[in-house]
Amino acid sequence: MYDSILIPFDGSDEAEKGANHGLGLAETCGATVHALYVIDLPGAPRTVYLRDDEDEMRERYREYGEEVTNEIKERAEDRGLECVTAIRSGSPGEEIVDYAKDEGVDAIVLGSAYRGKLGALLGSTAEKVVRTAEVPVVTVREQMND
């Protein structure tokens, strides 16, 4: 069914739910897992005076990204699965969709948090991925507490 599955992962609770489901699906299908972390620095100042701080911040995000994607890799390997890790910078929704297209993955599995009515109006990363991906997208949603 699926030979490769993309699991975008940022270490959050909702991403954890998506990762668990994605790893289970990959195990069932014998698929290669792609663990992706996207560095998103919205609104980061671009002035010359803050350039050093931005570089340092990017490096910390990169280190964190390596940590969380390696966590998925270890969990995949514990299940006997091959796993590729990647880190990209930019808008998470766009980078996830672009990665899926660039790498030819067969499906994307990601967590989605309940963001309330305002969040639904503004959209979320998961919603953007569902709307723009060219492959099937499975979203695993956190429980709503209303």
N, C-alpha and C. Protein backbone atom coordinates (compact mmCIF):
# COMPACT_ATOMS: atom_id res chain seq x y z
N MET A 1 0.83 -1.19 0.00
CA MET A 1 0.00 0.00 0.00
C MET A 1 0.87 1.25 0.00
N TYR A 2 1.72 1.41 1.02
CA TYR A 2 2.63 2.54 1.10
C TYR A 2 4.05 2.01 1.26
N ASP A 3 4.94 2.51 0.42
CA ASP A 3 6.35 2.13 0.53
C ASP A 3 7.14 3.13 1.37
N SER A 4 6.65 4.37 1.46
CA SER A 4 7.34 5.38 2.26
C SER A 4 6.31 6.32 2.88
N ILE A 5 6.54 6.63 4.15
CA ILE A 5 5.61 7.46 4.91
C ILE A 5 6.38 8.61 5.56
N LEU A 6 5.90 9.82 5.35
CA LEU A 6 6.50 11.00 5.96
C LEU A 6 5.82 11.29 7.29
N ILE A 7 6.65 11.43 8.33
CA ILE A 7 6.15 11.80 9.65
C ILE A 7 6.81 13.13 10.05
N PRO A 8 6.11 14.25 9.86
CA PRO A 8 6.64 15.52 10.35
C PRO A 8 6.58 15.49 11.88
N PHE A 9 7.67 15.91 12.53
CA PHE A 9 7.74 15.75 13.98
C PHE A 9 8.46 16.92 14.62
N ASP A 10 7.80 17.53 15.61
CA ASP A 10 8.42 18.65 16.33
C ASP A 10 8.51 18.40 17.83
N GLY A 11 8.18 17.20 18.25
CA GLY A 11 8.27 16.86 19.67
C GLY A 11 7.06 17.23 20.50
N SER A 12 6.06 17.89 19.92
CA SER A 12 4.86 18.28 20.65
C SER A 12 3.97 17.07 20.92
N ASP A 13 3.00 17.26 21.81
CA ASP A 13 2.07 16.17 22.13
C ASP A 13 1.30 15.71 20.91
N GLU A 14 0.82 16.68 20.10
CA GLU A 14 0.06 16.28 18.92
C GLU A 14 0.95 15.58 17.89
N ALA A 15 2.19 16.04 17.76
CA ALA A 15 3.12 15.37 16.84
C ALA A 15 3.42 13.95 17.31
N GLU A 16 3.48 13.77 18.62
CA GLU A 16 3.72 12.45 19.20
C GLU A 16 2.60 11.48 18.81
N LYS A 17 1.37 11.95 18.88
CA LYS A 17 0.24 11.11 18.48
C LYS A 17 0.34 10.73 16.99
N GLY A 18 0.69 11.71 16.17
CA GLY A 18 0.87 11.44 14.74
C GLY A 18 2.01 10.46 14.50
N ALA A 19 3.11 10.63 15.23
CA ALA A 19 4.26 9.75 15.06
C ALA A 19 3.91 8.31 15.44
N ASN A 20 3.21 8.14 16.54
CA ASN A 20 2.81 6.79 16.96
C ASN A 20 1.97 6.11 15.89
N HIS A 21 1.01 6.85 15.36
CA HIS A 21 0.15 6.28 14.31
C HIS A 21 0.96 6.01 13.04
N GLY A 22 1.81 6.96 12.67
CA GLY A 22 2.62 6.80 11.46
C GLY A 22 3.57 5.62 11.55
N LEU A 23 4.19 5.44 12.71
CA LEU A 23 5.09 4.30 12.88
C LEU A 23 4.34 2.98 12.83
N GLY A 24 3.15 2.95 13.42
CA GLY A 24 2.33 1.74 13.35
C GLY A 24 1.92 1.43 11.92
N LEU A 25 1.53 2.45 11.18
CA LEU A 25 1.15 2.25 9.77
C LEU A 25 2.35 1.79 8.96
N ALA A 26 3.50 2.40 9.19
CA ALA A 26 4.72 2.01 8.47
C ALA A 26 5.08 0.56 8.78
N GLU A 27 4.92 0.17 10.03
CA GLU A 27 5.21 -1.22 10.42
C GLU A 27 4.27 -2.19 9.72
N THR A 28 3.00 -1.85 9.66
CA THR A 28 2.02 -2.69 8.99
C THR A 28 2.34 -2.86 7.51
N CYS A 29 2.79 -1.77 6.88
CA CYS A 29 3.06 -1.78 5.44
C CYS A 29 4.50 -2.14 5.10
N GLY A 30 5.38 -2.16 6.09
CA GLY A 30 6.79 -2.38 5.82
C GLY A 30 7.41 -1.19 5.09
N ALA A 31 6.90 0.00 5.39
CA ALA A 31 7.32 1.21 4.68
C ALA A 31 8.55 1.86 5.31
N THR A 32 9.30 2.55 4.49
CA THR A 32 10.38 3.40 4.98
C THR A 32 9.76 4.64 5.60
N VAL A 33 10.29 5.06 6.74
CA VAL A 33 9.81 6.26 7.43
C VAL A 33 10.73 7.43 7.08
N HIS A 34 10.12 8.57 6.83
CA HIS A 34 10.86 9.83 6.66
C HIS A 34 10.45 10.72 7.83
N ALA A 35 11.40 11.03 8.71
CA ALA A 35 11.14 11.92 9.85
C ALA A 35 11.63 13.31 9.48
N LEU A 36 10.73 14.28 9.52
CA LEU A 36 11.06 15.65 9.09
C LEU A 36 10.78 16.64 10.20
N TYR A 37 11.75 17.52 10.44
CA TYR A 37 11.58 18.65 11.35
C TYR A 37 11.74 19.92 10.53
N VAL A 38 10.82 20.86 10.72
CA VAL A 38 10.89 22.13 9.99
C VAL A 38 11.21 23.25 10.97
N ILE A 39 12.28 23.97 10.68
CA ILE A 39 12.66 25.14 11.47
C ILE A 39 11.79 26.29 10.98
N ASP A 40 10.99 26.80 11.87
CA ASP A 40 10.07 27.90 11.54
C ASP A 40 10.37 29.08 12.45
N LEU A 41 10.90 30.14 11.87
CA LEU A 41 11.20 31.34 12.65
C LEU A 41 10.36 32.50 12.13
N PRO A 42 9.05 32.45 12.33
CA PRO A 42 8.20 33.53 11.81
C PRO A 42 8.50 34.84 12.51
N GLY A 43 8.58 35.88 11.72
CA GLY A 43 8.75 37.21 12.27
C GLY A 43 10.12 37.47 12.85
N ALA A 44 11.09 36.60 12.57
CA ALA A 44 12.43 36.84 13.09
C ALA A 44 12.98 38.11 12.46
N PRO A 45 13.50 39.00 13.26
CA PRO A 45 14.04 40.25 12.73
C PRO A 45 15.17 39.99 11.73
N ARG A 46 15.24 40.80 10.71
CA ARG A 46 16.25 40.61 9.67
C ARG A 46 17.26 41.75 9.63
N THR A 47 17.41 42.47 10.72
CA THR A 47 18.35 43.58 10.73
C THR A 47 19.77 43.06 10.90
N VAL A 48 20.72 43.83 10.44
CA VAL A 48 22.13 43.46 10.54
C VAL A 48 22.53 43.26 12.00
N TYR A 49 22.00 44.09 12.90
CA TYR A 49 22.38 44.03 14.30
C TYR A 49 21.97 42.74 14.98
N LEU A 50 20.95 42.08 14.50
CA LEU A 50 20.46 40.87 15.15
C LEU A 50 20.87 39.61 14.40
N ARG A 51 21.65 39.73 13.37
CA ARG A 51 22.04 38.59 12.54
C ARG A 51 22.70 37.48 13.36
N ASP A 52 23.63 37.83 14.25
CA ASP A 52 24.31 36.81 15.05
C ASP A 52 23.32 36.06 15.93
N ASP A 53 22.38 36.77 16.54
CA ASP A 53 21.38 36.12 17.38
C ASP A 53 20.52 35.16 16.57
N GLU A 54 20.15 35.57 15.36
CA GLU A 54 19.33 34.70 14.52
C GLU A 54 20.09 33.44 14.14
N ASP A 55 21.35 33.57 13.80
CA ASP A 55 22.16 32.39 13.47
C ASP A 55 22.26 31.44 14.65
N GLU A 56 22.44 31.99 15.85
CA GLU A 56 22.51 31.16 17.05
C GLU A 56 21.18 30.46 17.30
N MET A 57 20.08 31.18 17.08
CA MET A 57 18.75 30.60 17.27
C MET A 57 18.52 29.47 16.26
N ARG A 58 18.89 29.71 15.02
CA ARG A 58 18.75 28.66 14.00
C ARG A 58 19.55 27.41 14.36
N GLU A 59 20.75 27.62 14.89
CA GLU A 59 21.59 26.48 15.27
C GLU A 59 20.94 25.69 16.41
N ARG A 60 20.34 26.38 17.38
CA ARG A 60 19.65 25.68 18.46
C ARG A 60 18.45 24.89 17.92
N TYR A 61 17.71 25.50 16.98
CA TYR A 61 16.58 24.78 16.37
C TYR A 61 17.08 23.57 15.58
N ARG A 62 18.20 23.73 14.87
CA ARG A 62 18.76 22.62 14.10
C ARG A 62 19.15 21.47 15.04
N GLU A 63 19.80 21.79 16.15
CA GLU A 63 20.18 20.77 17.12
C GLU A 63 18.95 20.06 17.68
N TYR A 64 17.92 20.84 17.99
CA TYR A 64 16.68 20.24 18.49
C TYR A 64 16.06 19.36 17.42
N GLY A 65 16.06 19.84 16.17
CA GLY A 65 15.52 19.06 15.07
C GLY A 65 16.23 17.73 14.89
N GLU A 66 17.55 17.75 15.03
CA GLU A 66 18.32 16.50 14.95
C GLU A 66 17.94 15.55 16.09
N GLU A 67 17.75 16.12 17.26
CA GLU A 67 17.37 15.31 18.42
C GLU A 67 16.02 14.62 18.21
N VAL A 68 15.01 15.39 17.78
CA VAL A 68 13.67 14.79 17.66
C VAL A 68 13.55 13.87 16.45
N THR A 69 14.23 14.18 15.35
CA THR A 69 14.16 13.26 14.20
C THR A 69 14.93 11.98 14.50
N ASN A 70 16.03 12.08 15.25
CA ASN A 70 16.76 10.87 15.64
C ASN A 70 15.94 10.01 16.60
N GLU A 71 15.09 10.66 17.39
CA GLU A 71 14.18 9.91 18.27
C GLU A 71 13.24 9.05 17.43
N ILE A 72 12.68 9.64 16.37
CA ILE A 72 11.79 8.87 15.48
C ILE A 72 12.58 7.77 14.79
N LYS A 73 13.80 8.09 14.36
CA LYS A 73 14.63 7.07 13.69
C LYS A 73 14.87 5.88 14.60
N GLU A 74 15.20 6.13 15.86
CA GLU A 74 15.43 5.04 16.81
C GLU A 74 14.17 4.20 17.01
N ARG A 75 13.04 4.87 17.13
CA ARG A 75 11.79 4.15 17.32
C ARG A 75 11.43 3.33 16.08
N ALA A 76 11.71 3.89 14.90
CA ALA A 76 11.46 3.14 13.66
C ALA A 76 12.37 1.92 13.59
N GLU A 77 13.64 2.12 13.87
CA GLU A 77 14.60 1.01 13.81
C GLU A 77 14.26 -0.07 14.83
N ASP A 78 13.72 0.32 16.00
CA ASP A 78 13.29 -0.67 16.99
C ASP A 78 12.18 -1.55 16.43
N ARG A 79 11.46 -1.05 15.46
CA ARG A 79 10.37 -1.82 14.82
C ARG A 79 10.87 -2.51 13.55
N GLY A 80 12.16 -2.41 13.28
CA GLY A 80 12.72 -3.05 12.09
C GLY A 80 12.52 -2.25 10.81
N LEU A 81 12.26 -0.95 10.96
CA LEU A 81 12.00 -0.10 9.81
C LEU A 81 13.20 0.76 9.46
N GLU A 82 13.34 1.03 8.19
CA GLU A 82 14.35 1.98 7.73
C GLU A 82 13.79 3.38 7.94
N CYS A 83 14.65 4.32 8.32
CA CYS A 83 14.20 5.69 8.55
C CYS A 83 15.23 6.69 8.02
N VAL A 84 14.72 7.67 7.31
CA VAL A 84 15.51 8.78 6.79
C VAL A 84 15.13 10.00 7.61
N THR A 85 16.11 10.80 8.03
CA THR A 85 15.80 12.02 8.77
C THR A 85 16.16 13.23 7.92
N ALA A 86 15.42 14.32 8.13
CA ALA A 86 15.68 15.55 7.38
C ALA A 86 15.25 16.75 8.20
N ILE A 87 15.93 17.85 7.95
CA ILE A 87 15.58 19.13 8.57
C ILE A 87 15.50 20.16 7.45
N ARG A 88 14.43 20.93 7.48
CA ARG A 88 14.25 22.00 6.50
C ARG A 88 13.88 23.27 7.25
N SER A 89 14.02 24.40 6.58
CA SER A 89 13.64 25.69 7.15
C SER A 89 12.57 26.32 6.28
N GLY A 90 11.60 26.95 6.93
CA GLY A 90 10.55 27.65 6.20
C GLY A 90 9.20 27.47 6.86
N SER A 91 8.17 27.69 6.08
CA SER A 91 6.80 27.50 6.55
C SER A 91 6.53 26.00 6.67
N PRO A 92 6.15 25.52 7.86
CA PRO A 92 5.99 24.08 8.04
C PRO A 92 5.07 23.41 7.02
N GLY A 93 3.89 23.99 6.78
CA GLY A 93 2.97 23.38 5.83
C GLY A 93 3.58 23.24 4.44
N GLU A 94 4.21 24.29 3.98
CA GLU A 94 4.83 24.26 2.64
C GLU A 94 6.00 23.29 2.59
N GLU A 95 6.83 23.32 3.62
CA GLU A 95 8.01 22.44 3.63
C GLU A 95 7.62 20.97 3.70
N ILE A 96 6.58 20.65 4.45
CA ILE A 96 6.12 19.26 4.53
C ILE A 96 5.65 18.78 3.16
N VAL A 97 4.82 19.59 2.51
CA VAL A 97 4.31 19.21 1.19
C VAL A 97 5.44 19.14 0.17
N ASP A 98 6.35 20.10 0.20
CA ASP A 98 7.48 20.09 -0.74
C ASP A 98 8.37 18.88 -0.53
N TYR A 99 8.63 18.55 0.73
CA TYR A 99 9.46 17.38 1.03
C TYR A 99 8.79 16.11 0.48
N ALA A 100 7.49 15.97 0.72
CA ALA A 100 6.77 14.79 0.24
C ALA A 100 6.90 14.66 -1.27
N LYS A 101 6.77 15.77 -1.95
CA LYS A 101 6.87 15.77 -3.42
C LYS A 101 8.31 15.48 -3.86
N ASP A 102 9.27 16.17 -3.25
CA ASP A 102 10.68 16.00 -3.62
C ASP A 102 11.17 14.57 -3.41
N GLU A 103 10.73 13.95 -2.33
CA GLU A 103 11.21 12.61 -1.97
C GLU A 103 10.31 11.49 -2.48
N GLY A 104 9.17 11.85 -3.06
CA GLY A 104 8.26 10.84 -3.61
C GLY A 104 7.64 9.94 -2.56
N VAL A 105 7.34 10.50 -1.39
CA VAL A 105 6.70 9.67 -0.36
C VAL A 105 5.27 9.35 -0.76
N ASP A 106 4.75 8.26 -0.22
CA ASP A 106 3.41 7.78 -0.60
C ASP A 106 2.31 8.32 0.29
N ALA A 107 2.65 8.76 1.51
CA ALA A 107 1.63 9.27 2.45
C ALA A 107 2.32 10.13 3.51
N ILE A 108 1.52 10.99 4.10
CA ILE A 108 1.98 11.85 5.19
C ILE A 108 1.09 11.56 6.40
N VAL A 109 1.71 11.36 7.56
CA VAL A 109 0.94 11.15 8.78
C VAL A 109 1.42 12.18 9.81
N LEU A 110 0.48 13.00 10.28
CA LEU A 110 0.86 14.03 11.24
C LEU A 110 -0.23 14.26 12.26
N GLY A 111 0.18 14.77 13.41
CA GLY A 111 -0.75 15.10 14.47
C GLY A 111 -1.37 16.46 14.21
N SER A 112 -2.54 16.65 14.78
CA SER A 112 -3.25 17.92 14.64
C SER A 112 -3.90 18.26 15.97
N ALA A 113 -3.61 19.45 16.45
CA ALA A 113 -4.19 19.88 17.72
C ALA A 113 -5.51 20.59 17.47
N TYR A 114 -6.40 20.53 18.43
CA TYR A 114 -7.63 21.30 18.36
C TYR A 114 -7.29 22.72 18.75
N ARG A 115 -7.51 23.67 17.84
CA ARG A 115 -7.11 25.05 18.07
C ARG A 115 -8.30 25.97 18.33
N GLY A 116 -9.45 25.40 18.56
CA GLY A 116 -10.64 26.21 18.82
C GLY A 116 -11.19 26.79 17.53
N LYS A 117 -12.27 27.54 17.66
CA LYS A 117 -12.93 28.09 16.47
C LYS A 117 -12.05 29.10 15.74
N LEU A 118 -11.33 29.93 16.48
CA LEU A 118 -10.46 30.90 15.84
C LEU A 118 -9.34 30.20 15.08
N GLY A 119 -8.76 29.18 15.68
CA GLY A 119 -7.72 28.42 15.00
C GLY A 119 -8.22 27.78 13.72
N ALA A 120 -9.45 27.31 13.75
CA ALA A 120 -10.03 26.70 12.56
C ALA A 120 -10.20 27.74 11.45
N LEU A 121 -10.52 28.96 11.81
CA LEU A 121 -10.65 30.01 10.81
C LEU A 121 -9.31 30.40 10.20
N LEU A 122 -8.29 30.44 11.03
CA LEU A 122 -6.97 30.85 10.55
C LEU A 122 -6.24 29.72 9.86
N GLY A 123 -6.57 28.50 10.19
CA GLY A 123 -5.91 27.36 9.59
C GLY A 123 -4.76 26.87 10.43
N SER A 124 -4.33 25.68 10.18
CA SER A 124 -3.23 25.07 10.91
C SER A 124 -2.29 24.42 9.91
N THR A 125 -1.15 23.99 10.39
CA THR A 125 -0.21 23.28 9.52
C THR A 125 -0.88 22.05 8.93
N ALA A 126 -1.57 21.27 9.76
CA ALA A 126 -2.22 20.06 9.26
C ALA A 126 -3.23 20.39 8.17
N GLU A 127 -4.02 21.44 8.39
CA GLU A 127 -5.01 21.81 7.39
C GLU A 127 -4.35 22.20 6.07
N LYS A 128 -3.27 22.96 6.15
CA LYS A 128 -2.55 23.36 4.93
C LYS A 128 -1.99 22.15 4.20
N VAL A 129 -1.48 21.19 4.95
CA VAL A 129 -0.94 19.98 4.33
C VAL A 129 -2.05 19.19 3.66
N VAL A 130 -3.18 19.03 4.35
CA VAL A 130 -4.31 18.29 3.77
C VAL A 130 -4.78 18.95 2.48
N ARG A 131 -4.85 20.28 2.48
CA ARG A 131 -5.34 21.01 1.31
C ARG A 131 -4.39 20.99 0.12
N THR A 132 -3.09 20.88 0.36
CA THR A 132 -2.13 21.07 -0.73
C THR A 132 -1.31 19.85 -1.11
N ALA A 133 -1.30 18.82 -0.29
CA ALA A 133 -0.49 17.64 -0.60
C ALA A 133 -1.06 16.87 -1.78
N GLU A 134 -0.18 16.25 -2.53
CA GLU A 134 -0.58 15.44 -3.68
C GLU A 134 -0.67 13.96 -3.33
N VAL A 135 -0.41 13.63 -2.07
CA VAL A 135 -0.49 12.25 -1.60
C VAL A 135 -1.48 12.18 -0.45
N PRO A 136 -1.94 10.99 -0.08
CA PRO A 136 -2.85 10.89 1.06
C PRO A 136 -2.23 11.44 2.34
N VAL A 137 -3.06 12.09 3.14
CA VAL A 137 -2.62 12.66 4.41
C VAL A 137 -3.52 12.10 5.51
N VAL A 138 -2.89 11.53 6.52
CA VAL A 138 -3.62 11.03 7.68
C VAL A 138 -3.33 11.99 8.83
N THR A 139 -4.39 12.54 9.42
CA THR A 139 -4.19 13.40 10.58
C THR A 139 -4.72 12.68 11.81
N VAL A 140 -3.96 12.81 12.89
CA VAL A 140 -4.34 12.22 14.16
C VAL A 140 -4.58 13.38 15.10
N ARG A 141 -5.81 13.52 15.51
CA ARG A 141 -6.20 14.71 16.26
C ARG A 141 -6.19 14.48 17.77
N GLU A 142 -5.75 15.51 18.48
CA GLU A 142 -5.81 15.48 19.94
C GLU A 142 -7.28 15.53 20.35
N GLN A 143 -7.58 15.00 21.50
CA GLN A 143 -8.94 15.06 22.01
C GLN A 143 -9.34 16.49 22.30
N MET A 144 -10.56 16.85 21.97
CA MET A 144 -11.07 18.17 22.27
C MET A 144 -11.62 18.14 23.69
N ASN A 145 -11.33 19.18 24.44
CA ASN A 145 -11.83 19.28 25.81
C ASN A 145 -12.81 20.46 25.91
N ASP A 146 -14.01 20.27 25.46
CA ASP A 146 -15.03 21.35 25.52
C ASP A 146 -15.93 21.17 26.69
